[in-house]
Amino acid sequence: MITDEYFSTSKKVKLYIRYWLPECPKAFMMFIHGAGEHSGQYSHLGMECLQRQIAFIAPDVRGFGNSIGPRGHIRRFQDYLDDLDQLVVHLHARNPELPVFLMGHSFGGLIAIRYAQQFCKKIHGIILTSPALDIAPGIPKLIRKMIGLVSFVTPALPLELVKWNESLRKFKWFQSKSPYRTADLLNDPLATIKYTPRWVSELIHNGTRALSEINPFQTPTLCFYDRYDPLVSPDLIERFIGNIVSHDKKLTVYADGKHQFLHNREVLQHIFQWLSVRLE
């Protein structure tokens, strides 16, 4: 069964959720999309899970897609984690015997990491693709400090970051240093193309915290990244995976300069093989 609904959190935030539900699921897979995206862009993953008797649950993160909230803005990153925790608790209440796995891409990967660091006993594993432990690592320290200052003074000021990126990509020098899929976002009515200084600041801050709070992280982890990805920091991803204490971890590295892997059949095969071992 494929369906959708609005889920109301305890803070009265309505999250839009898409479900792919087999009759007799073996597990829940909660998927968290990347920045600017929404759950509708990953329906192929839902169908892949459905065919393998895995329930696929894909919320639009608050402020993205069909979910309620100011576009590309968050007061505290913790709000994302609290929203996700209420969804996980809701799933456990419906089917307490089923394991819950998290999958997160980019920004969604950071949410999955921070959730696992705080609520590790509620999930059975996480799958990460290009987790955003840092964004646009080439940003100078001075600009990062300015972002922090602007976040304090005018936290909700909307910034046209996607349109800025498309304008800058007209210059040859900038093309290799910027995201290459932002044009697709401009043509998607559900995509988020504006962000606030507070959102950027919270993302950077929680990437730093993810690395500094690494000791308690024991969740089984599967991770994919590209060493030439211009949007995140491959060095920080490798450091994170290398330093987590979990003995059940696997890292797959590509060298194609890509940020998105989830249409790659080889990657999907790895993901479902990894899951099948943990569901035996």
Foldseek 3Di string as FASTA:
>chain_A
DWDWDWDQDPVRWTKIKIKQAAPAALAEEEEEEAAQDAQVVVVVVSVVRNVVRYMYMYIGQDLFFPTHDPHAADQALVVSLRVVVVVLVVVCVVPVVHAYEYEYAACGQLSNLVNCLPPVVSHQAYEYALHALDWQVVDDPVVLVVLVVCCVVPVFDKDQVLVVQVVVCVDVVCVLQGDDCSVVSVVDPRTGRIHGSNSNNNSNVSSVVSLVSQEVRAHQYEYEYEPSANTHHPVSVVSSQVPHPHPRYYYDYHHPRDRDDVVPPVVVVVVVVSVVVVSD
